[in-house]
Amino acid sequence: MIQEASVMGLLRTILIILLVWFGLRILARLFAPILMKFVAKKAEERFGQQFGGFQNQAQQREEQKRREGETVIDKMPQQNKSSNEKVGEYIDYEEID
């Protein structure tokens, strides 16, 4: 049995497709910010679990080693800062108009 497509059926199908398309666009605009906040929150939690653990463990070890009132210097400045004497001498100049 062969069925023929009618013009009304074609228009009805196109109308349904358009309504679904615009409906999804409206829903996406409503729910996209909520979805993005959820994804960002989950990514932040994962990042905190991965890298926060290392930082907390190192801080706890340092705190155990330190005594109350003790001064700790983490980085000493470099002492061997020498000037380059081969640069030449500095000459002041004035601009002439």
PDB file of N, CA and C in Angstrom:
ATOM      1  N   MET A   1       0.841  -1.169   0.000  1.00  0.00           N
ATOM      2  CA  MET A   1       0.000   0.000   0.000  1.00  0.00           C
ATOM      3  C   MET A   1       0.893   1.242   0.000  1.00  0.00           C
ATOM      4  N   ILE A   2       0.751   2.086  -0.946  1.00  0.00           N
ATOM      5  CA  ILE A   2       1.549   3.296  -1.095  1.00  0.00           C
ATOM      6  C   ILE A   2       0.735   4.486  -0.605  1.00  0.00           C
ATOM      7  N   GLN A   3       1.405   5.304   0.257  1.00  0.00           N
ATOM      8  CA  GLN A   3       0.732   6.500   0.750  1.00  0.00           C
ATOM      9  C   GLN A   3       1.403   7.722   0.153  1.00  0.00           C
ATOM     10  N   GLU A   4       0.612   8.703  -0.153  1.00  0.00           N
ATOM     11  CA  GLU A   4       1.146   9.943  -0.688  1.00  0.00           C
ATOM     12  C   GLU A   4       1.198  10.990   0.413  1.00  0.00           C
ATOM     13  N   ALA A   5       2.242  11.822   0.353  1.00  0.00           N
ATOM     14  CA  ALA A   5       2.372  12.892   1.330  1.00  0.00           C
ATOM     15  C   ALA A   5       1.507  14.068   0.902  1.00  0.00           C
ATOM     16  N   SER A   6       0.771  14.588   1.858  1.00  0.00           N
ATOM     17  CA  SER A   6      -0.059  15.734   1.537  1.00  0.00           C
ATOM     18  C   SER A   6       0.665  17.017   1.929  1.00  0.00           C
ATOM     19  N   VAL A   7       0.237  18.089   1.383  1.00  0.00           N
ATOM     20  CA  VAL A   7       0.832  19.387   1.678  1.00  0.00           C
ATOM     21  C   VAL A   7       0.568  19.749   3.132  1.00  0.00           C
ATOM     22  N   MET A   8      -0.603  19.442   3.624  1.00  0.00           N
ATOM     23  CA  MET A   8      -0.942  19.764   5.019  1.00  0.00           C
ATOM     24  C   MET A   8      -0.077  18.954   5.988  1.00  0.00           C
ATOM     25  N   GLY A   9       0.192  17.719   5.662  1.00  0.00           N
ATOM     26  CA  GLY A   9       1.048  16.893   6.508  1.00  0.00           C
ATOM     27  C   GLY A   9       2.471  17.417   6.547  1.00  0.00           C
ATOM     28  N   LEU A  10       2.961  17.874   5.388  1.00  0.00           N
ATOM     29  CA  LEU A  10       4.298  18.448   5.312  1.00  0.00           C
ATOM     30  C   LEU A  10       4.387  19.733   6.128  1.00  0.00           C
ATOM     31  N   LEU A  11       3.409  20.604   5.987  1.00  0.00           N
ATOM     32  CA  LEU A  11       3.398  21.858   6.761  1.00  0.00           C
ATOM     33  C   LEU A  11       3.294  21.579   8.258  1.00  0.00           C
ATOM     34  N   ARG A  12       2.484  20.588   8.609  1.00  0.00           N
ATOM     35  CA  ARG A  12       2.333  20.228  10.019  1.00  0.00           C
ATOM     36  C   ARG A  12       3.658  19.708  10.590  1.00  0.00           C
ATOM     37  N   THR A  13       4.378  18.888   9.839  1.00  0.00           N
ATOM     38  CA  THR A  13       5.673  18.358  10.280  1.00  0.00           C
ATOM     39  C   THR A  13       6.698  19.480  10.441  1.00  0.00           C
ATOM     40  N   ILE A  14       6.753  20.387   9.478  1.00  0.00           N
ATOM     41  CA  ILE A  14       7.681  21.528   9.573  1.00  0.00           C
ATOM     42  C   ILE A  14       7.334  22.397  10.775  1.00  0.00           C
ATOM     43  N   LEU A  15       6.045  22.627  11.013  1.00  0.00           N
ATOM     44  CA  LEU A  15       5.615  23.426  12.159  1.00  0.00           C
ATOM     45  C   LEU A  15       6.017  22.765  13.473  1.00  0.00           C
ATOM     46  N   ILE A  16       5.851  21.474  13.583  1.00  0.00           N
ATOM     47  CA  ILE A  16       6.240  20.751  14.801  1.00  0.00           C
ATOM     48  C   ILE A  16       7.747  20.847  15.012  1.00  0.00           C
ATOM     49  N   ILE A  17       8.522  20.666  13.943  1.00  0.00           N
ATOM     50  CA  ILE A  17       9.984  20.765  14.056  1.00  0.00           C
ATOM     51  C   ILE A  17      10.387  22.167  14.522  1.00  0.00           C
ATOM     52  N   LEU A  18       9.781  23.209  13.960  1.00  0.00           N
ATOM     53  CA  LEU A  18      10.095  24.587  14.356  1.00  0.00           C
ATOM     54  C   LEU A  18       9.713  24.860  15.811  1.00  0.00           C
ATOM     55  N   LEU A  19       8.543  24.373  16.233  1.00  0.00           N
ATOM     56  CA  LEU A  19       8.123  24.573  17.620  1.00  0.00           C
ATOM     57  C   LEU A  19       9.077  23.884  18.598  1.00  0.00           C
ATOM     58  N   VAL A  20       9.492  22.676  18.269  1.00  0.00           N
ATOM     59  CA  VAL A  20      10.438  21.968  19.129  1.00  0.00           C
ATOM     60  C   VAL A  20      11.768  22.716  19.166  1.00  0.00           C
ATOM     61  N   TRP A  21      12.236  23.182  18.008  1.00  0.00           N
ATOM     62  CA  TRP A  21      13.509  23.918  17.922  1.00  0.00           C
ATOM     63  C   TRP A  21      13.477  25.181  18.781  1.00  0.00           C
ATOM     64  N   PHE A  22      12.436  26.004  18.628  1.00  0.00           N
ATOM     65  CA  PHE A  22      12.351  27.240  19.408  1.00  0.00           C
ATOM     66  C   PHE A  22      12.097  26.954  20.886  1.00  0.00           C
ATOM     67  N   GLY A  23      11.369  25.891  21.171  1.00  0.00           N
ATOM     68  CA  GLY A  23      11.150  25.508  22.570  1.00  0.00           C
ATOM     69  C   GLY A  23      12.460  25.118  23.254  1.00  0.00           C
ATOM     70  N   LEU A  24      13.294  24.357  22.556  1.00  0.00           N
ATOM     71  CA  LEU A  24      14.591  23.972  23.117  1.00  0.00           C
ATOM     72  C   LEU A  24      15.497  25.188  23.308  1.00  0.00           C
ATOM     73  N   ARG A  25      15.428  26.135  22.377  1.00  0.00           N
ATOM     74  CA  ARG A  25      16.246  27.352  22.521  1.00  0.00           C
ATOM     75  C   ARG A  25      15.829  28.157  23.748  1.00  0.00           C
ATOM     76  N   ILE A  26      14.533  28.275  23.979  1.00  0.00           N
ATOM     77  CA  ILE A  26      14.043  29.020  25.148  1.00  0.00           C
ATOM     78  C   ILE A  26      14.437  28.305  26.432  1.00  0.00           C
ATOM     79  N   LEU A  27      14.277  26.990  26.459  1.00  0.00           N
ATOM     80  CA  LEU A  27      14.669  26.227  27.642  1.00  0.00           C
ATOM     81  C   LEU A  27      16.178  26.301  27.882  1.00  0.00           C
ATOM     82  N   ALA A  28      16.958  26.302  26.805  1.00  0.00           N
ATOM     83  CA  ALA A  28      18.409  26.400  26.950  1.00  0.00           C
ATOM     84  C   ALA A  28      18.795  27.743  27.554  1.00  0.00           C
ATOM     85  N   ARG A  29      18.123  28.809  27.153  1.00  0.00           N
ATOM     86  CA  ARG A  29      18.416  30.129  27.729  1.00  0.00           C
ATOM     87  C   ARG A  29      18.050  30.200  29.207  1.00  0.00           C
ATOM     88  N   LEU A  30      17.027  29.472  29.597  1.00  0.00           N
ATOM     89  CA  LEU A  30      16.613  29.484  30.994  1.00  0.00           C
ATOM     90  C   LEU A  30      17.532  28.631  31.866  1.00  0.00           C
ATOM     91  N   PHE A  31      17.911  27.463  31.360  1.00  0.00           N
ATOM     92  CA  PHE A  31      18.644  26.513  32.186  1.00  0.00           C
ATOM     93  C   PHE A  31      20.158  26.534  31.990  1.00  0.00           C
ATOM     94  N   ALA A  32      20.655  27.210  30.988  1.00  0.00           N
ATOM     95  CA  ALA A  32      22.104  27.257  30.750  1.00  0.00           C
ATOM     96  C   ALA A  32      22.867  27.902  31.908  1.00  0.00           C
ATOM     97  N   PRO A  33      22.428  29.055  32.448  1.00  0.00           N
ATOM     98  CA  PRO A  33      23.173  29.631  33.582  1.00  0.00           C
ATOM     99  C   PRO A  33      23.193  28.719  34.805  1.00  0.00           C
ATOM    100  N   ILE A  34      22.093  28.047  35.067  1.00  0.00           N
ATOM    101  CA  ILE A  34      22.031  27.136  36.210  1.00  0.00           C
ATOM    102  C   ILE A  34      22.982  25.962  35.982  1.00  0.00           C
ATOM    103  N   LEU A  35      22.979  25.429  34.769  1.00  0.00           N
ATOM    104  CA  LEU A  35      23.857  24.315  34.430  1.00  0.00           C
ATOM    105  C   LEU A  35      25.324  24.729  34.512  1.00  0.00           C
ATOM    106  N   MET A  36      25.652  25.926  34.029  1.00  0.00           N
ATOM    107  CA  MET A  36      27.038  26.401  34.066  1.00  0.00           C
ATOM    108  C   MET A  36      27.511  26.599  35.508  1.00  0.00           C
ATOM    109  N   LYS A  37      26.657  27.129  36.376  1.00  0.00           N
ATOM    110  CA  LYS A  37      27.022  27.288  37.785  1.00  0.00           C
ATOM    111  C   LYS A  37      27.298  25.925  38.424  1.00  0.00           C
ATOM    112  N   PHE A  38      26.469  24.958  38.097  1.00  0.00           N
ATOM    113  CA  PHE A  38      26.644  23.611  38.645  1.00  0.00           C
ATOM    114  C   PHE A  38      27.965  23.002  38.186  1.00  0.00           C
ATOM    115  N   VAL A  39      28.272  23.129  36.887  1.00  0.00           N
ATOM    116  CA  VAL A  39      29.512  22.574  36.343  1.00  0.00           C
ATOM    117  C   VAL A  39      30.723  23.280  36.951  1.00  0.00           C
ATOM    118  N   ALA A  40      30.662  24.607  37.088  1.00  0.00           N
ATOM    119  CA  ALA A  40      31.781  25.359  37.669  1.00  0.00           C
ATOM    120  C   ALA A  40      31.992  24.969  39.128  1.00  0.00           C
ATOM    121  N   LYS A  41      30.911  24.761  39.865  1.00  0.00           N
ATOM    122  CA  LYS A  41      31.024  24.372  41.272  1.00  0.00           C
ATOM    123  C   LYS A  41      31.669  22.996  41.404  1.00  0.00           C
ATOM    124  N   LYS A  42      31.272  22.067  40.558  1.00  0.00           N
ATOM    125  CA  LYS A  42      31.861  20.726  40.596  1.00  0.00           C
ATOM    126  C   LYS A  42      33.338  20.768  40.224  1.00  0.00           C
ATOM    127  N   ALA A  43      33.701  21.566  39.215  1.00  0.00           N
ATOM    128  CA  ALA A  43      35.107  21.673  38.815  1.00  0.00           C
ATOM    129  C   ALA A  43      35.927  22.291  39.939  1.00  0.00           C
ATOM    130  N   GLU A  44      35.378  23.280  40.631  1.00  0.00           N
ATOM    131  CA  GLU A  44      36.079  23.908  41.756  1.00  0.00           C
ATOM    132  C   GLU A  44      36.298  22.905  42.887  1.00  0.00           C
ATOM    133  N   GLU A  45      35.305  22.081  43.153  1.00  0.00           N
ATOM    134  CA  GLU A  45      35.450  21.068  44.198  1.00  0.00           C
ATOM    135  C   GLU A  45      36.539  20.054  43.843  1.00  0.00           C
ATOM    136  N   ARG A  46      36.555  19.622  42.587  1.00  0.00           N
ATOM    137  CA  ARG A  46      37.584  18.666  42.157  1.00  0.00           C
ATOM    138  C   ARG A  46      38.969  19.290  42.227  1.00  0.00           C
ATOM    139  N   PHE A  47      39.080  20.535  41.815  1.00  0.00           N
ATOM    140  CA  PHE A  47      40.369  21.231  41.858  1.00  0.00           C
ATOM    141  C   PHE A  47      40.838  21.371  43.305  1.00  0.00           C
ATOM    142  N   GLY A  48      39.918  21.710  44.185  1.00  0.00           N
ATOM    143  CA  GLY A  48      40.265  21.845  45.598  1.00  0.00           C
ATOM    144  C   GLY A  48      40.690  20.519  46.207  1.00  0.00           C
ATOM    145  N   GLN A  49      40.060  19.434  45.808  1.00  0.00           N
ATOM    146  CA  GLN A  49      40.432  18.122  46.334  1.00  0.00           C
ATOM    147  C   GLN A  49      41.813  17.709  45.840  1.00  0.00           C
ATOM    148  N   GLN A  50      42.103  17.981  44.573  1.00  0.00           N
ATOM    149  CA  GLN A  50      43.373  17.550  44.008  1.00  0.00           C
ATOM    150  C   GLN A  50      44.542  18.353  44.554  1.00  0.00           C
ATOM    151  N   PHE A  51      44.425  19.679  44.566  1.00  0.00           N
ATOM    152  CA  PHE A  51      45.554  20.514  44.918  1.00  0.00           C
ATOM    153  C   PHE A  51      45.504  21.017  46.350  1.00  0.00           C
ATOM    154  N   GLY A  52      44.354  21.075  46.938  1.00  0.00           N
ATOM    155  CA  GLY A  52      44.236  21.530  48.323  1.00  0.00           C
ATOM    156  C   GLY A  52      44.840  20.547  49.299  1.00  0.00           C
ATOM    157  N   GLY A  53      44.767  19.270  48.982  1.00  0.00           N
ATOM    158  CA  GLY A  53      45.314  18.246  49.855  1.00  0.00           C
ATOM    159  C   GLY A  53      46.818  18.360  49.997  1.00  0.00           C
ATOM    160  N   PHE A  54      47.516  18.617  48.918  1.00  0.00           N
ATOM    161  CA  PHE A  54      48.966  18.742  48.958  1.00  0.00           C
ATOM    162  C   PHE A  54      49.370  19.958  49.787  1.00  0.00           C
ATOM    163  N   GLN A  55      48.666  21.043  49.604  1.00  0.00           N
ATOM    164  CA  GLN A  55      48.999  22.278  50.300  1.00  0.00           C
ATOM    165  C   GLN A  55      48.746  22.122  51.800  1.00  0.00           C
ATOM    166  N   ASN A  56      47.646  21.525  52.153  1.00  0.00           N
ATOM    167  CA  ASN A  56      47.327  21.350  53.573  1.00  0.00           C
ATOM    168  C   ASN A  56      48.331  20.442  54.260  1.00  0.00           C
ATOM    169  N   GLN A  57      48.765  19.380  53.609  1.00  0.00           N
ATOM    170  CA  GLN A  57      49.729  18.463  54.206  1.00  0.00           C
ATOM    171  C   GLN A  57      51.061  19.151  54.440  1.00  0.00           C
ATOM    172  N   ALA A  58      51.506  19.962  53.494  1.00  0.00           N
ATOM    173  CA  ALA A  58      52.782  20.667  53.634  1.00  0.00           C
ATOM    174  C   ALA A  58      52.704  21.691  54.760  1.00  0.00           C
ATOM    175  N   GLN A  59      51.591  22.386  54.871  1.00  0.00           N
ATOM    176  CA  GLN A  59      51.436  23.379  55.939  1.00  0.00           C
ATOM    177  C   GLN A  59      51.423  22.699  57.304  1.00  0.00           C
ATOM    178  N   GLN A  60      50.782  21.565  57.409  1.00  0.00           N
ATOM    179  CA  GLN A  60      50.727  20.862  58.684  1.00  0.00           C
ATOM    180  C   GLN A  60      52.108  20.392  59.104  1.00  0.00           C
ATOM    181  N   ARG A  61      52.918  19.910  58.160  1.00  0.00           N
ATOM    182  CA  ARG A  61      54.277  19.480  58.491  1.00  0.00           C
ATOM    183  C   ARG A  61      55.130  20.659  58.958  1.00  0.00           C
ATOM    184  N   GLU A  62      55.004  21.805  58.290  1.00  0.00           N
ATOM    185  CA  GLU A  62      55.781  22.982  58.675  1.00  0.00           C
ATOM    186  C   GLU A  62      55.371  23.476  60.062  1.00  0.00           C
ATOM    187  N   GLU A  63      54.079  23.455  60.340  1.00  0.00           N
ATOM    188  CA  GLU A  63      53.603  23.914  61.643  1.00  0.00           C
ATOM    189  C   GLU A  63      54.096  23.001  62.760  1.00  0.00           C
ATOM    190  N   GLN A  64      54.220  21.716  62.489  1.00  0.00           N
ATOM    191  CA  GLN A  64      54.708  20.796  63.505  1.00  0.00           C
ATOM    192  C   GLN A  64      56.183  21.045  63.790  1.00  0.00           C
ATOM    193  N   LYS A  65      56.959  21.406  62.767  1.00  0.00           N
ATOM    194  CA  LYS A  65      58.383  21.638  62.944  1.00  0.00           C
ATOM    195  C   LYS A  65      58.667  22.944  63.683  1.00  0.00           C
ATOM    196  N   ARG A  66      57.839  23.951  63.506  1.00  0.00           N
ATOM    197  CA  ARG A  66      58.061  25.256  64.113  1.00  0.00           C
ATOM    198  C   ARG A  66      57.662  25.245  65.589  1.00  0.00           C
ATOM    199  N   ARG A  67      58.373  26.050  66.343  1.00  0.00           N
ATOM    200  CA  ARG A  67      58.018  26.252  67.746  1.00  0.00           C
ATOM    201  C   ARG A  67      57.386  27.622  67.883  1.00  0.00           C
ATOM    202  N   GLU A  68      56.645  27.818  68.932  1.00  0.00           N
ATOM    203  CA  GLU A  68      55.982  29.091  69.141  1.00  0.00           C
ATOM    204  C   GLU A  68      57.018  30.179  69.389  1.00  0.00           C
ATOM    205  N   GLY A  69      56.904  31.304  68.674  1.00  0.00           N
ATOM    206  CA  GLY A  69      57.813  32.418  68.838  1.00  0.00           C
ATOM    207  C   GLY A  69      59.061  32.332  67.991  1.00  0.00           C
ATOM    208  N   GLU A  70      59.227  31.272  67.225  1.00  0.00           N
ATOM    209  CA  GLU A  70      60.418  31.096  66.416  1.00  0.00           C
ATOM    210  C   GLU A  70      60.253  31.858  65.096  1.00  0.00           C
ATOM    211  N   THR A  71      61.314  32.522  64.656  1.00  0.00           N
ATOM    212  CA  THR A  71      61.295  33.247  63.395  1.00  0.00           C
ATOM    213  C   THR A  71      61.887  32.362  62.303  1.00  0.00           C
ATOM    214  N   VAL A  72      61.175  32.273  61.195  1.00  0.00           N
ATOM    215  CA  VAL A  72      61.606  31.413  60.107  1.00  0.00           C
ATOM    216  C   VAL A  72      61.750  32.257  58.846  1.00  0.00           C
ATOM    217  N   ILE A  73      62.903  32.138  58.173  1.00  0.00           N
ATOM    218  CA  ILE A  73      63.129  32.820  56.903  1.00  0.00           C
ATOM    219  C   ILE A  73      63.097  31.764  55.809  1.00  0.00           C
ATOM    220  N   ASP A  74      62.132  31.898  54.907  1.00  0.00           N
ATOM    221  CA  ASP A  74      61.961  30.900  53.857  1.00  0.00           C
ATOM    222  C   ASP A  74      62.995  31.043  52.747  1.00  0.00           C
ATOM    223  N   LYS A  75      63.351  32.271  52.390  1.00  0.00           N
ATOM    224  CA  LYS A  75      64.255  32.472  51.266  1.00  0.00           C
ATOM    225  C   LYS A  75      65.249  33.557  51.629  1.00  0.00           C
ATOM    226  N   MET A  76      66.522  33.252  51.479  1.00  0.00           N
ATOM    227  CA  MET A  76      67.564  34.232  51.742  1.00  0.00           C
ATOM    228  C   MET A  76      67.855  34.998  50.454  1.00  0.00           C
ATOM    229  N   PRO A  77      68.074  36.304  50.531  1.00  0.00           N
ATOM    230  CA  PRO A  77      68.417  37.051  49.327  1.00  0.00           C
ATOM    231  C   PRO A  77      69.826  36.694  48.856  1.00  0.00           C
ATOM    232  N   GLN A  78      70.053  36.801  47.585  1.00  0.00           N
ATOM    233  CA  GLN A  78      71.365  36.480  47.027  1.00  0.00           C
ATOM    234  C   GLN A  78      72.367  37.581  47.398  1.00  0.00           C
ATOM    235  N   GLN A  79      73.545  37.185  47.820  1.00  0.00           N
ATOM    236  CA  GLN A  79      74.554  38.132  48.274  1.00  0.00           C
ATOM    237  C   GLN A  79      75.530  38.519  47.173  1.00  0.00           C
ATOM    238  N   ASN A  80      75.668  37.736  46.151  1.00  0.00           N
ATOM    239  CA  ASN A  80      76.673  37.998  45.136  1.00  0.00           C
ATOM    240  C   ASN A  80      76.105  38.830  43.990  1.00  0.00           C
ATOM    241  N   LYS A  81      75.655  40.039  44.312  1.00  0.00           N
ATOM    242  CA  LYS A  81      75.207  40.976  43.303  1.00  0.00           C
ATOM    243  C   LYS A  81      76.363  41.923  43.005  1.00  0.00           C
ATOM    244  N   SER A  82      76.978  41.771  41.879  1.00  0.00           N
ATOM    245  CA  SER A  82      78.099  42.633  41.537  1.00  0.00           C
ATOM    246  C   SER A  82      77.747  43.457  40.309  1.00  0.00           C
ATOM    247  N   SER A  83      78.276  44.657  40.259  1.00  0.00           N
ATOM    248  CA  SER A  83      78.010  45.511  39.118  1.00  0.00           C
ATOM    249  C   SER A  83      79.001  45.198  38.007  1.00  0.00           C
ATOM    250  N   ASN A  84      78.596  45.422  36.818  1.00  0.00           N
ATOM    251  CA  ASN A  84      79.456  45.172  35.673  1.00  0.00           C
ATOM    252  C   ASN A  84      80.258  46.441  35.403  1.00  0.00           C
ATOM    253  N   GLU A  85      81.551  46.384  35.596  1.00  0.00           N
ATOM    254  CA  GLU A  85      82.383  47.572  35.442  1.00  0.00           C
ATOM    255  C   GLU A  85      82.770  47.805  33.999  1.00  0.00           C
ATOM    256  N   LYS A  86      82.456  46.921  33.095  1.00  0.00           N
ATOM    257  CA  LYS A  86      82.814  47.080  31.699  1.00  0.00           C
ATOM    258  C   LYS A  86      81.785  47.889  30.919  1.00  0.00           C
ATOM    259  N   VAL A  87      80.768  48.375  31.601  1.00  0.00           N
ATOM    260  CA  VAL A  87      79.690  49.077  30.931  1.00  0.00           C
ATOM    261  C   VAL A  87      80.161  50.422  30.395  1.00  0.00           C
ATOM    262  N   GLY A  88      80.953  51.131  31.124  1.00  0.00           N
ATOM    263  CA  GLY A  88      81.407  52.452  30.698  1.00  0.00           C
ATOM    264  C   GLY A  88      80.993  53.499  31.705  1.00  0.00           C
ATOM    265  N   GLU A  89      81.268  54.764  31.369  1.00  0.00           N
ATOM    266  CA  GLU A  89      80.944  55.809  32.330  1.00  0.00           C
ATOM    267  C   GLU A  89      79.667  56.508  31.917  1.00  0.00           C
ATOM    268  N   TYR A  90      78.942  57.008  32.892  1.00  0.00           N
ATOM    269  CA  TYR A  90      77.669  57.663  32.676  1.00  0.00           C
ATOM    270  C   TYR A  90      77.916  59.143  32.401  1.00  0.00           C
ATOM    271  N   ILE A  91      77.280  59.678  31.367  1.00  0.00           N
ATOM    272  CA  ILE A  91      77.466  61.078  31.002  1.00  0.00           C
ATOM    273  C   ILE A  91      76.117  61.757  31.033  1.00  0.00           C
ATOM    274  N   ASP A  92      76.028  62.855  31.800  1.00  0.00           N
ATOM    275  CA  ASP A  92      74.824  63.671  31.817  1.00  0.00           C
ATOM    276  C   ASP A  92      74.746  64.473  30.526  1.00  0.00           C
ATOM    277  N   TYR A  93      73.559  64.719  30.056  1.00  0.00           N
ATOM    278  CA  TYR A  93      73.404  65.535  28.867  1.00  0.00           C
ATOM    279  C   TYR A  93      72.214  66.445  29.035  1.00  0.00           C
ATOM    280  N   GLU A  94      72.210  67.523  28.268  1.00  0.00           N
ATOM    281  CA  GLU A  94      71.086  68.456  28.271  1.00  0.00           C
ATOM    282  C   GLU A  94      70.591  68.551  26.845  1.00  0.00           C
ATOM    283  N   GLU A  95      69.275  68.687  26.723  1.00  0.00           N
ATOM    284  CA  GLU A  95      68.716  68.861  25.403  1.00  0.00           C
ATOM    285  C   GLU A  95      68.835  70.321  24.975  1.00  0.00           C
ATOM    286  N   ILE A  96      69.207  70.513  23.734  1.00  0.00           N
ATOM    287  CA  ILE A  96      69.334  71.861  23.175  1.00  0.00           C
ATOM    288  C   ILE A  96      68.177  72.092  22.230  1.00  0.00           C
ATOM    289  N   ASP A  97      67.473  73.213  22.450  1.00  0.00           N
ATOM    290  CA  ASP A  97      66.329  73.523  21.590  1.00  0.00           C
ATOM    291  C   ASP A  97      66.767  74.154  20.290  1.00  0.00           C
TER     292      ASP A  97
END
